[in-house]
């Protein structure tokens, strides 16, 4: 499988979007909605945000599954 080339601006925006999604979501929303979506950096901010949200959902599902296992062991 060929490795896809990602521009440095896209990679930086993706990483910033992922981090801001967890630390400063309101700032990230303002940046995403700034009207700059024709730039790689701003498209990547949104992609990083989406990935962070997916990762959060997966982690929540894992925690719920673990809790259900604990509850089942207690006879609940």
Protein backbone atom coordinates (compact mmCIF):
# COMPACT_ATOMS: atom_id res chain seq x y z
CA UNK A 1 0.00 0.00 0.00
CA UNK A 2 1.34 3.40 -0.95
CA UNK A 3 1.85 6.01 1.71
CA UNK A 4 -0.24 9.10 1.08
CA UNK A 5 1.63 12.40 1.04
CA UNK A 6 0.20 14.96 3.44
CA UNK A 7 1.22 18.58 3.26
CA UNK A 8 2.96 20.03 6.32
CA UNK A 9 0.11 22.55 6.71
CA UNK A 10 -2.47 19.76 6.73
CA UNK A 11 -0.51 17.69 9.24
CA UNK A 12 -0.05 20.69 11.54
CA UNK A 13 -3.74 21.62 11.28
CA UNK A 14 -4.83 18.05 11.99
CA UNK A 15 -2.67 17.86 15.11
CA UNK A 16 -3.83 21.28 16.30
CA UNK A 17 -7.47 20.36 15.66
CA UNK A 18 -7.10 17.14 17.64
CA UNK A 19 -5.55 18.93 20.61
CA UNK A 20 -7.84 21.96 20.55
CA UNK A 21 -10.86 19.67 20.43
CA UNK A 22 -9.96 18.46 23.89
CA UNK A 23 -8.54 21.64 25.38
CA UNK A 24 -10.23 24.62 23.72
CA UNK A 25 -13.32 23.41 21.80
CA UNK A 26 -14.89 26.89 21.58
CA UNK A 27 -11.74 28.35 20.04
CA UNK A 28 -11.61 25.44 17.61
CA UNK A 29 -15.23 26.05 16.56
CA UNK A 30 -14.44 29.71 15.88
CA UNK A 31 -11.42 28.75 13.79
CA UNK A 32 -13.34 26.12 11.83
CA UNK A 33 -16.16 28.58 11.13
CA UNK A 34 -13.82 31.42 10.15
CA UNK A 35 -14.48 30.94 6.43
CA UNK A 36 -10.98 29.71 5.64
CA UNK A 37 -12.00 26.16 4.60
CA UNK A 38 -10.19 26.48 1.27
CA UNK A 39 -6.85 26.15 3.09
CA UNK A 40 -5.36 22.77 4.01
CA UNK A 41 -4.72 23.89 7.58
CA UNK A 42 -8.34 24.76 8.29
CA UNK A 43 -9.74 21.63 6.59
CA UNK A 44 -7.33 19.62 8.72
CA UNK A 45 -8.46 21.36 11.92
CA UNK A 46 -11.92 19.94 11.28
CA UNK A 47 -10.55 16.48 10.47
CA UNK A 48 -8.55 16.45 13.71
CA UNK A 49 -11.66 17.47 15.64
CA UNK A 50 -13.70 14.65 14.06
CA UNK A 51 -11.00 12.11 14.92
CA UNK A 52 -10.87 13.29 18.54
CA UNK A 53 -14.65 12.92 18.78
CA UNK A 54 -14.46 9.38 17.36
CA UNK A 55 -11.70 8.49 19.81
CA UNK A 56 -13.80 9.81 22.71
CA UNK A 57 -16.79 7.74 21.65
CA UNK A 58 -14.67 4.58 21.39
CA UNK A 59 -13.22 5.21 24.85
CA UNK A 60 -16.69 5.79 26.33
CA UNK A 61 -17.92 2.55 24.79
CA UNK A 62 -14.95 0.67 26.24
CA UNK A 63 -15.62 2.13 29.69
CA UNK A 64 -19.30 1.21 29.49
CA UNK A 65 -18.41 -2.33 28.43
CA UNK A 66 -15.97 -2.66 31.33
CA UNK A 67 -18.59 -1.33 33.74
CA UNK A 68 -21.21 -3.74 32.42
CA UNK A 69 -18.77 -6.58 32.98
CA UNK A 70 -18.17 -5.46 36.56
CA UNK A 71 -21.90 -5.08 37.19
CA UNK A 72 -22.61 -8.49 35.73
CA UNK A 73 -20.04 -10.02 38.06
CA UNK A 74 -21.83 -8.44 41.02
CA UNK A 75 -25.13 -10.04 40.04
CA UNK A 76 -26.75 -6.79 38.84
